[in-house]
PDB file of N, CA and C in Angstrom:
ATOM      1  N   MET A   1       0.743-153.580 -79.140  1.00  0.00           N
ATOM      2  CA  MET A   1       1.126-154.155 -77.890  1.00  0.00           C
ATOM      3  C   MET A   1       2.159-155.235 -78.159  1.00  0.00           C
ATOM      4  N   ARG A   2       3.186-155.253 -77.337  1.00  0.00           N
ATOM      5  CA  ARG A   2       4.254-156.235 -77.496  1.00  0.00           C
ATOM      6  C   ARG A   2       4.448-156.956 -76.163  1.00  0.00           C
ATOM      7  N   PHE A   3       4.422-158.270 -76.217  1.00  0.00           N
ATOM      8  CA  PHE A   3       4.604-159.076 -75.018  1.00  0.00           C
ATOM      9  C   PHE A   3       6.069-159.441 -74.871  1.00  0.00           C
ATOM     10  N   LEU A   4       6.672-159.024 -73.754  1.00  0.00           N
ATOM     11  CA  LEU A   4       8.056-159.375 -73.470  1.00  0.00           C
ATOM     12  C   LEU A   4       8.126-160.758 -72.840  1.00  0.00           C
ATOM     13  N   ARG A   5       7.100-161.079 -72.067  1.00  0.00           N
ATOM     14  CA  ARG A   5       6.884-162.395 -71.450  1.00  0.00           C
ATOM     15  C   ARG A   5       5.367-162.548 -71.351  1.00  0.00           C
ATOM     16  N   PRO A   6       4.870-163.716 -71.031  1.00  0.00           N
ATOM     17  CA  PRO A   6       3.413-163.868 -70.918  1.00  0.00           C
ATOM     18  C   PRO A   6       2.778-162.954 -69.857  1.00  0.00           C
ATOM     19  N   ASP A   7       3.590-162.471 -68.911  1.00  0.00           N
ATOM     20  CA  ASP A   7       3.054-161.629 -67.844  1.00  0.00           C
ATOM     21  C   ASP A   7       3.590-160.194 -67.873  1.00  0.00           C
ATOM     22  N   VAL A   8       4.284-159.807 -68.959  1.00  0.00           N
ATOM     23  CA  VAL A   8       4.816-158.451 -69.102  1.00  0.00           C
ATOM     24  C   VAL A   8       4.588-157.988 -70.538  1.00  0.00           C
ATOM     25  N   ALA A   9       4.016-156.776 -70.678  1.00  0.00           N
ATOM     26  CA  ALA A   9       3.739-156.246 -72.016  1.00  0.00           C
ATOM     27  C   ALA A   9       4.051-154.751 -72.058  1.00  0.00           C
ATOM     28  N   ILE A  10       4.304-154.277 -73.272  1.00  0.00           N
ATOM     29  CA  ILE A  10       4.479-152.845 -73.521  1.00  0.00           C
ATOM     30  C   ILE A  10       3.418-152.426 -74.524  1.00  0.00           C
ATOM     31  N   ALA A  11       2.709-151.344 -74.197  1.00  0.00           N
ATOM     32  CA  ALA A  11       1.680-150.816 -75.100  1.00  0.00           C
ATOM     33  C   ALA A  11       2.079-149.410 -75.517  1.00  0.00           C
ATOM     34  N   ASP A  12       2.168-149.177 -76.822  1.00  0.00           N
ATOM     35  CA  ASP A  12       2.452-147.851 -77.362  1.00  0.00           C
ATOM     36  C   ASP A  12       1.162-147.285 -77.940  1.00  0.00           C
ATOM     37  N   VAL A  13       0.851-146.026 -77.551  1.00  0.00           N
ATOM     38  CA  VAL A  13      -0.396-145.393 -77.972  1.00  0.00           C
ATOM     39  C   VAL A  13      -0.075-144.009 -78.524  1.00  0.00           C
ATOM     40  N   ASP A  14      -0.549-143.708 -79.732  1.00  0.00           N
ATOM     41  CA  ASP A  14      -0.419-142.364 -80.294  1.00  0.00           C
ATOM     42  C   ASP A  14      -1.673-141.580 -79.923  1.00  0.00           C
ATOM     43  N   ILE A  15      -1.466-140.371 -79.370  1.00  0.00           N
ATOM     44  CA  ILE A  15      -2.575-139.552 -78.872  1.00  0.00           C
ATOM     45  C   ILE A  15      -2.562-138.218 -79.599  1.00  0.00           C
ATOM     46  N   GLU A  16      -3.744-137.704 -79.909  1.00  0.00           N
ATOM     47  CA  GLU A  16      -3.903-136.391 -80.521  1.00  0.00           C
ATOM     48  C   GLU A  16      -4.855-135.577 -79.658  1.00  0.00           C
ATOM     49  N   VAL A  17      -4.365-134.465 -79.129  1.00  0.00           N
ATOM     50  CA  VAL A  17      -5.157-133.608 -78.252  1.00  0.00           C
ATOM     51  C   VAL A  17      -5.528-132.343 -79.029  1.00  0.00           C
ATOM     52  N   THR A  18      -6.815-131.995 -79.022  1.00  0.00           N
ATOM     53  CA  THR A  18      -7.293-130.775 -79.674  1.00  0.00           C
ATOM     54  C   THR A  18      -8.229-130.046 -78.715  1.00  0.00           C
ATOM     55  N   GLY A  19      -8.585-128.838 -79.050  1.00  0.00           N
ATOM     56  CA  GLY A  19      -9.549-128.082 -78.256  1.00  0.00           C
ATOM     57  C   GLY A  19      -8.990-127.555 -76.946  1.00  0.00           C
ATOM     58  N   PHE A  20      -7.676-127.547 -76.779  1.00  0.00           N
ATOM     59  CA  PHE A  20      -7.094-127.063 -75.531  1.00  0.00           C
ATOM     60  C   PHE A  20      -7.059-125.536 -75.537  1.00  0.00           C
ATOM     61  N   GLN A  21      -7.164-124.977 -74.337  1.00  0.00           N
ATOM     62  CA  GLN A  21      -7.080-123.518 -74.168  1.00  0.00           C
ATOM     63  C   GLN A  21      -5.625-123.074 -74.019  1.00  0.00           C
ATOM     64  N   ALA A  22      -4.826-123.920 -73.385  1.00  0.00           N
ATOM     65  CA  ALA A  22      -3.416-123.605 -73.154  1.00  0.00           C
ATOM     66  C   ALA A  22      -2.673-124.917 -72.934  1.00  0.00           C
ATOM     67  N   LEU A  23      -1.365-124.850 -73.021  1.00  0.00           N
ATOM     68  CA  LEU A  23      -0.503-126.002 -72.762  1.00  0.00           C
ATOM     69  C   LEU A  23       0.401-125.682 -71.582  1.00  0.00           C
ATOM     70  N   PRO A  24       0.953-126.696 -70.935  1.00  0.00           N
ATOM     71  CA  PRO A  24       1.871-126.440 -69.820  1.00  0.00           C
ATOM     72  C   PRO A  24       3.082-125.623 -70.277  1.00  0.00           C
ATOM     73  N   PRO A  25       3.682-124.876 -69.356  1.00  0.00           N
ATOM     74  CA  PRO A  25       4.868-124.089 -69.721  1.00  0.00           C
ATOM     75  C   PRO A  25       5.934-124.966 -70.384  1.00  0.00           C
ATOM     76  N   GLY A  26       6.496-124.456 -71.464  1.00  0.00           N
ATOM     77  CA  GLY A  26       7.542-125.175 -72.191  1.00  0.00           C
ATOM     78  C   GLY A  26       7.018-126.091 -73.275  1.00  0.00           C
ATOM     79  N   SER A  27       5.709-126.344 -73.290  1.00  0.00           N
ATOM     80  CA  SER A  27       5.115-127.204 -74.325  1.00  0.00           C
ATOM     81  C   SER A  27       4.670-126.357 -75.506  1.00  0.00           C
ATOM     82  N   ARG A  28       4.780-126.951 -76.690  1.00  0.00           N
ATOM     83  CA  ARG A  28       4.321-126.284 -77.907  1.00  0.00           C
ATOM     84  C   ARG A  28       3.454-127.254 -78.687  1.00  0.00           C
ATOM     85  N   PRO A  29       2.425-126.764 -79.363  1.00  0.00           N
ATOM     86  CA  PRO A  29       1.618-127.678 -80.171  1.00  0.00           C
ATOM     87  C   PRO A  29       2.447-128.270 -81.308  1.00  0.00           C
ATOM     88  N   THR A  30       2.110-129.480 -81.709  1.00  0.00           N
ATOM     89  CA  THR A  30       2.803-130.145 -82.811  1.00  0.00           C
ATOM     90  C   THR A  30       2.518-129.412 -84.115  1.00  0.00           C
ATOM     91  N   GLU A  31       1.301-128.942 -84.237  1.00  0.00           N
ATOM     92  CA  GLU A  31       0.882-128.077 -85.345  1.00  0.00           C
ATOM     93  C   GLU A  31      -0.224-127.202 -84.779  1.00  0.00           C
ATOM     94  N   PRO A  32      -0.622-126.142 -85.462  1.00  0.00           N
ATOM     95  CA  PRO A  32      -1.626-125.242 -84.888  1.00  0.00           C
ATOM     96  C   PRO A  32      -2.883-126.005 -84.420  1.00  0.00           C
ATOM     97  N   GLY A  33      -3.191-125.856 -83.124  1.00  0.00           N
ATOM     98  CA  GLY A  33      -4.399-126.456 -82.563  1.00  0.00           C
ATOM     99  C   GLY A  33      -4.319-127.944 -82.263  1.00  0.00           C
ATOM    100  N   VAL A  34      -3.144-128.554 -82.460  1.00  0.00           N
ATOM    101  CA  VAL A  34      -3.012-130.005 -82.247  1.00  0.00           C
ATOM    102  C   VAL A  34      -1.725-130.298 -81.469  1.00  0.00           C
ATOM    103  N   LEU A  35      -1.868-131.097 -80.417  1.00  0.00           N
ATOM    104  CA  LEU A  35      -0.703-131.610 -79.702  1.00  0.00           C
ATOM    105  C   LEU A  35      -0.730-133.125 -79.836  1.00  0.00           C
ATOM    106  N   ARG A  36       0.307-133.672 -80.437  1.00  0.00           N
ATOM    107  CA  ARG A  36       0.424-135.130 -80.551  1.00  0.00           C
ATOM    108  C   ARG A  36       1.422-135.618 -79.511  1.00  0.00           C
ATOM    109  N   THR A  37       1.101-136.750 -78.907  1.00  0.00           N
ATOM    110  CA  THR A  37       2.013-137.360 -77.952  1.00  0.00           C
ATOM    111  C   THR A  37       2.097-138.849 -78.221  1.00  0.00           C
ATOM    112  N   ARG A  38       3.164-139.439 -77.720  1.00  0.00           N
ATOM    113  CA  ARG A  38       3.346-140.891 -77.781  1.00  0.00           C
ATOM    114  C   ARG A  38       3.413-141.395 -76.346  1.00  0.00           C
ATOM    115  N   MET A  39       2.423-142.198 -75.983  1.00  0.00           N
ATOM    116  CA  MET A  39       2.328-142.744 -74.637  1.00  0.00           C
ATOM    117  C   MET A  39       2.821-144.182 -74.667  1.00  0.00           C
ATOM    118  N   ARG A  40       3.651-144.534 -73.691  1.00  0.00           N
ATOM    119  CA  ARG A  40       4.122-145.912 -73.561  1.00  0.00           C
ATOM    120  C   ARG A  40       3.775-146.392 -72.157  1.00  0.00           C
ATOM    121  N   HIS A  41       3.084-147.539 -72.098  1.00  0.00           N
ATOM    122  CA  HIS A  41       2.720-148.156 -70.821  1.00  0.00           C
ATOM    123  C   HIS A  41       3.471-149.482 -70.697  1.00  0.00           C
ATOM    124  N   VAL A  42       3.967-149.763 -69.514  1.00  0.00           N
ATOM    125  CA  VAL A  42       4.513-151.081 -69.185  1.00  0.00           C
ATOM    126  C   VAL A  42       3.489-151.751 -68.274  1.00  0.00           C
ATOM    127  N   LEU A  43       3.031-152.938 -68.674  1.00  0.00           N
ATOM    128  CA  LEU A  43       2.006-153.657 -67.924  1.00  0.00           C
ATOM    129  C   LEU A  43       2.551-154.979 -67.408  1.00  0.00           C
ATOM    130  N   THR A  44       2.084-155.355 -66.225  1.00  0.00           N
ATOM    131  CA  THR A  44       2.403-156.674 -65.693  1.00  0.00           C
ATOM    132  C   THR A  44       1.104-157.372 -65.288  1.00  0.00           C
ATOM    133  N   ARG A  45       1.132-158.685 -65.333  1.00  0.00           N
ATOM    134  CA  ARG A  45      -0.033-159.475 -64.936  1.00  0.00           C
ATOM    135  C   ARG A  45       0.332-160.299 -63.706  1.00  0.00           C
ATOM    136  N   THR A  46      -0.466-160.125 -62.664  1.00  0.00           N
ATOM    137  CA  THR A  46      -0.292-160.874 -61.423  1.00  0.00           C
ATOM    138  C   THR A  46      -1.637-161.478 -61.050  1.00  0.00           C
ATOM    139  N   ASP A  47      -1.658-162.775 -60.830  1.00  0.00           N
ATOM    140  CA  ASP A  47      -2.896-163.485 -60.479  1.00  0.00           C
ATOM    141  C   ASP A  47      -4.014-163.192 -61.487  1.00  0.00           C
ATOM    142  N   GLY A  48      -3.646-163.100 -62.776  1.00  0.00           N
ATOM    143  CA  GLY A  48      -4.626-162.913 -63.842  1.00  0.00           C
ATOM    144  C   GLY A  48      -5.093-161.485 -64.047  1.00  0.00           C
ATOM    145  N   VAL A  49      -4.556-160.526 -63.291  1.00  0.00           N
ATOM    146  CA  VAL A  49      -4.981-159.125 -63.396  1.00  0.00           C
ATOM    147  C   VAL A  49      -3.845-158.298 -63.988  1.00  0.00           C
ATOM    148  N   TRP A  50      -4.143-157.577 -65.080  1.00  0.00           N
ATOM    149  CA  TRP A  50      -3.166-156.690 -65.706  1.00  0.00           C
ATOM    150  C   TRP A  50      -3.165-155.345 -64.991  1.00  0.00           C
ATOM    151  N   GLU A  51      -1.965-154.786 -64.798  1.00  0.00           N
ATOM    152  CA  GLU A  51      -1.815-153.501 -64.131  1.00  0.00           C
ATOM    153  C   GLU A  51      -0.732-152.699 -64.838  1.00  0.00           C
ATOM    154  N   ILE A  52      -0.983-151.399 -65.039  1.00  0.00           N
ATOM    155  CA  ILE A  52       0.043-150.512 -65.591  1.00  0.00           C
ATOM    156  C   ILE A  52       0.999-150.179 -64.456  1.00  0.00           C
ATOM    157  N   VAL A  53       2.285-150.486 -64.653  1.00  0.00           N
ATOM    158  CA  VAL A  53       3.271-150.252 -63.600  1.00  0.00           C
ATOM    159  C   VAL A  53       4.203-149.087 -63.921  1.00  0.00           C
ATOM    160  N   ALA A  54       4.232-148.641 -65.183  1.00  0.00           N
ATOM    161  CA  ALA A  54       5.050-147.486 -65.564  1.00  0.00           C
ATOM    162  C   ALA A  54       4.467-146.873 -66.828  1.00  0.00           C
ATOM    163  N   THR A  55       4.594-145.555 -66.937  1.00  0.00           N
ATOM    164  CA  THR A  55       4.071-144.834 -68.095  1.00  0.00           C
ATOM    165  C   THR A  55       5.034-143.711 -68.456  1.00  0.00           C
ATOM    166  N   GLN A  56       5.190-143.494 -69.757  1.00  0.00           N
ATOM    167  CA  GLN A  56       5.962-142.350 -70.244  1.00  0.00           C
ATOM    168  C   GLN A  56       5.137-141.678 -71.326  1.00  0.00           C
ATOM    169  N   ASN A  57       5.029-140.355 -71.258  1.00  0.00           N
ATOM    170  CA  ASN A  57       4.294-139.588 -72.242  1.00  0.00           C
ATOM    171  C   ASN A  57       5.261-138.598 -72.881  1.00  0.00           C
ATOM    172  N   THR A  58       5.484-138.719 -74.184  1.00  0.00           N
ATOM    173  CA  THR A  58       6.437-137.866 -74.891  1.00  0.00           C
ATOM    174  C   THR A  58       5.707-137.050 -75.952  1.00  0.00           C
ATOM    175  N   ALA A  59       5.818-135.733 -75.862  1.00  0.00           N
ATOM    176  CA  ALA A  59       5.193-134.851 -76.852  1.00  0.00           C
ATOM    177  C   ALA A  59       5.955-134.950 -78.172  1.00  0.00           C
ATOM    178  N   VAL A  60       5.218-134.907 -79.270  1.00  0.00           N
ATOM    179  CA  VAL A  60       5.813-134.887 -80.596  1.00  0.00           C
ATOM    180  C   VAL A  60       6.105-133.428 -80.934  1.00  0.00           C
ATOM    181  N   ALA A  61       7.376-133.117 -81.125  1.00  0.00           N
ATOM    182  CA  ALA A  61       7.792-131.729 -81.373  1.00  0.00           C
ATOM    183  C   ALA A  61       7.331-131.250 -82.741  1.00  0.00           C
ATOM    184  N   PRO A  62       7.060-129.959 -82.859  1.00  0.00           N
ATOM    185  CA  PRO A  62       6.729-129.406 -84.170  1.00  0.00           C
ATOM    186  C   PRO A  62       7.921-129.497 -85.104  1.00  0.00           C
ATOM    187  N   ARG A  63       7.637-129.595 -86.372  1.00  0.00           N
ATOM    188  CA  ARG A  63       8.728-129.608 -87.362  1.00  0.00           C
ATOM    189  C   ARG A  63       9.266-128.193 -87.516  1.00  0.00           C
ATOM    190  N   PRO A  64      10.568-128.091 -87.689  1.00  0.00           N
ATOM    191  CA  PRO A  64      11.172-126.741 -87.831  1.00  0.00           C
ATOM    192  C   PRO A  64      10.730-126.037 -89.089  1.00  0.00           C
TER     193      PRO A  64
END
């Protein structure tokens, strides 16, 4: 987690998904049976309460 200001932060999360039956069209597993993604959340704090205001989820492509 990185604080840009005392009331704004960015959280980067590495995710590993297994046990899926199928993936959305155009998606490919990172390796057989595993889909890795990198999730980024932008958080803001208002009146002492943290809230996620933006999120990006990027799949990790398989190596060629």
